[in-house]
């Protein structure tokens, strides 16, 4: 039961990182064609407002990425702060997280588990 629950949290972490990557790619594609977009809708859209919207979407993407990395590190038995810091390294940090071995857990007599 606990193993299925842990797999679900790892899946959630990976989903958060995937959504973040999709948002970043969307922002990049939008910025590539930004001039054509502004020329097409310049009567309807205020350009500074578009920059604010892109900034908010970027912050959401960054929050999802960092949260996903922290959650993934926590599920492998490491500190969530390690995942958070590695998240700032983007793909390199994700590769480090994927390569890190999970910490072994020692089961106690009371039925709980402790990190070793």
Protein backbone atom coordinates (compact mmCIF):
# COMPACT_ATOMS: atom_id res chain seq x y z
CA UNK A 1 0.00 0.00 0.00
CA UNK A 2 2.76 2.44 0.92
CA UNK A 3 4.64 1.55 -2.28
CA UNK A 4 1.62 2.42 -4.43
CA UNK A 5 1.21 5.70 -2.53
CA UNK A 6 4.91 6.54 -3.05
CA UNK A 7 4.63 5.82 -6.78
CA UNK A 8 1.67 8.19 -6.94
CA UNK A 9 3.69 10.99 -5.34
CA UNK A 10 6.60 10.37 -7.72
CA UNK A 11 4.13 10.50 -10.60
CA UNK A 12 2.78 13.79 -9.26
CA UNK A 13 6.30 15.21 -9.08
CA UNK A 14 7.03 14.17 -12.65
CA UNK A 15 3.71 15.62 -13.83
CA UNK A 16 4.49 18.94 -12.15
CA UNK A 17 7.86 19.08 -13.90
CA UNK A 18 6.31 18.12 -17.25
CA UNK A 19 3.64 20.84 -17.03
CA UNK A 20 6.36 23.33 -16.12
CA UNK A 21 8.45 22.34 -19.16
CA UNK A 22 5.41 22.66 -21.44
CA UNK A 23 4.69 26.15 -20.10
CA UNK A 24 8.29 27.23 -20.68
CA UNK A 25 8.26 25.90 -24.25
CA UNK A 26 4.97 27.72 -24.84
CA UNK A 27 6.46 30.98 -23.58
CA UNK A 28 9.51 30.51 -25.81
CA UNK A 29 7.38 29.87 -28.89
CA UNK A 30 5.18 32.84 -28.08
CA UNK A 31 8.16 35.16 -27.64
CA UNK A 32 9.60 33.96 -30.94
CA UNK A 33 6.49 35.23 -32.72
CA UNK A 34 5.79 38.11 -30.32
CA UNK A 35 6.31 40.90 -32.85
CA UNK A 36 3.85 39.37 -35.33
CA UNK A 37 1.34 38.87 -32.51
CA UNK A 38 1.63 42.48 -31.34
CA UNK A 39 1.22 43.77 -34.89
CA UNK A 40 -1.88 41.62 -35.38
CA UNK A 41 -3.65 42.62 -32.15
CA UNK A 42 -2.09 45.99 -31.38
CA UNK A 43 -5.53 47.62 -31.28
CA UNK A 44 -6.80 45.19 -28.64
CA UNK A 45 -3.83 44.31 -26.41
CA UNK A 46 -1.59 46.54 -24.34
CA UNK A 47 2.03 45.31 -24.72
CA UNK A 48 3.07 45.88 -21.06
CA UNK A 49 0.09 43.75 -19.99
CA UNK A 50 1.42 40.92 -22.16
CA UNK A 51 4.78 41.12 -20.38
CA UNK A 52 3.03 40.88 -17.01
CA UNK A 53 1.05 37.85 -18.18
CA UNK A 54 4.22 36.17 -19.48
CA UNK A 55 5.97 36.91 -16.18
CA UNK A 56 3.13 35.36 -14.17
CA UNK A 57 3.08 32.25 -16.38
CA UNK A 58 6.87 32.03 -15.98
CA UNK A 59 6.59 32.21 -12.18
CA UNK A 60 3.94 29.48 -12.23
CA UNK A 61 6.19 27.30 -14.39
CA UNK A 62 9.16 27.88 -12.09
CA UNK A 63 7.09 27.10 -9.00
CA UNK A 64 5.85 23.85 -10.53
CA UNK A 65 9.38 22.85 -11.55
CA UNK A 66 10.93 23.58 -8.14
CA UNK A 67 8.04 21.93 -6.30
CA UNK A 68 8.26 18.85 -8.50
CA UNK A 69 12.01 18.53 -7.94
CA UNK A 70 11.58 18.95 -4.18
CA UNK A 71 8.78 16.36 -4.08
CA UNK A 72 10.80 13.90 -6.15
CA UNK A 73 13.85 14.26 -3.90
CA UNK A 74 11.66 13.77 -0.83
CA UNK A 75 10.18 10.58 -2.25
CA UNK A 76 13.67 9.21 -2.83
CA UNK A 77 14.37 9.76 0.88
CA UNK A 78 16.49 12.87 0.47
CA UNK A 79 15.80 16.32 1.86
CA UNK A 80 13.22 18.31 -0.08
CA UNK A 81 15.59 21.28 0.08
CA UNK A 82 18.15 19.29 -1.94
CA UNK A 83 15.55 18.86 -4.68
CA UNK A 84 14.62 22.53 -4.47
CA UNK A 85 18.24 23.65 -4.91
CA UNK A 86 18.87 21.14 -7.70
CA UNK A 87 15.71 22.42 -9.40
CA UNK A 88 17.48 25.75 -9.99
CA UNK A 89 19.99 23.87 -12.17
CA UNK A 90 17.16 22.92 -14.56
CA UNK A 91 17.89 19.81 -16.64
CA UNK A 92 21.29 19.23 -14.98
CA UNK A 93 19.59 19.23 -11.57
CA UNK A 94 16.92 16.82 -12.80
CA UNK A 95 19.60 14.46 -14.12
CA UNK A 96 21.35 14.57 -10.73
CA UNK A 97 18.05 13.75 -9.02
CA UNK A 98 17.42 10.84 -11.37
CA UNK A 99 20.91 9.42 -10.76
CA UNK A 100 20.82 9.83 -6.97
CA UNK A 101 20.16 6.47 -5.32
CA UNK A 102 17.20 6.33 -2.94
CA UNK A 103 18.08 6.35 0.76
CA UNK A 104 17.53 3.06 2.53
CA UNK A 105 14.84 3.01 5.19
CA UNK A 106 15.21 0.93 8.33
CA UNK A 107 11.97 -0.45 9.74
CA UNK A 108 11.60 -0.16 13.49
CA UNK A 109 9.74 -2.55 15.78
CA UNK A 110 6.91 -0.06 16.22
CA UNK A 111 6.11 -0.38 12.55
CA UNK A 112 7.48 2.98 11.50
CA UNK A 113 10.50 3.64 9.38
CA UNK A 114 13.59 5.75 9.90
CA UNK A 115 16.06 7.06 7.36
CA UNK A 116 19.52 5.62 7.64
